[in-house]
Amino acid sequence: MAAVVLLILLAGVCIAAGQWQLRRAHEREALRAARLAGQQAPAMTLTAATPDGPDWHRATAQGRWLNPFTVLLDNRNLKGQPGFWVATPLALQDAPDTAVLVLRGWVARPLPPASLPDLSAADGPVQVQGTLLHRVPRLFDLGSLTGSPDNVLPRPFPAPDGAPPRVQNLPLDTLAAASGLKLLPVVLEQAPARDAGLVQDWPGPSENASQNYNYAGQWFSFAAIALIAAAVMLWRTWRRPAAPSKPDPARP
């Protein structure tokens, strides 16, 4: 009977895993629907009063680049090539004391002894178009498990030598605290543009729900196999004839 119990427990685990895959599939379908809805909606114009809105909405911002506060996001690969995302705040034209963080694009990591090119954005008023996100896309940071996350900006910031700091992740509150800037609670992912030779080829979120449905079907199949095996073992146990009783030697 122990084997039957183990098979039933295994079936329960497989069913739970299949249900989790179904939830992930539904989340990805909802994500795809939200992204398509945001792309089809009229573009927003960012102002000092712009709230934290839904992701994937098209938006436009006008203002001036704050080049001294540029930050490089490390370990951002493009088609297998290592590089950085370049993030620079943009002071809004209608409210110069407020800025929006713009992910300007990707630049390849140079091989020593080469150095990065000049990543300064153009001076003067500009108009930036892109897609709204509620935060900078994150990468897994092993240091966060040990209490030393790779998102600490140097002090003072900006650095006296003007070199952009390099971090793996960049929470908006971290940038605001280090820079003293008043940041909007959104991030603008820049659309393709001529900007210091940067590449605006952003990796979107995974929306392949069919993969999760396939995994769910596999887990439910494993659960069915385990339950069938448990049923067969129980049926054989019940069908097994009882052992004949031994005669009592004390009786004549």
Foldseek 3Di string as FASTA:
>chain_A
DVLLVVLLVLLVVLLVLLVVLLVVLVVLVVVVVQLVVQVPDDEAEDDPPDAQDAWNHKYKFKAWWPLLLKAWAFQDDDPNFGWTFIWTWGQGPVGNLETEIEREAIDGCDDPPDHDDDQDWDGDMDMFIAIKDQFDDADDAPVVVVVGAFAADDPQGPDPVSDHYYGNGHGPVRSCVNPVGHYHSIYGYTDDDDGRPGHSDDDDDDSPSVVSNVSSVVSNVSSVVSNVVSVVVVVCVVPDDDDDDDDDVVDD
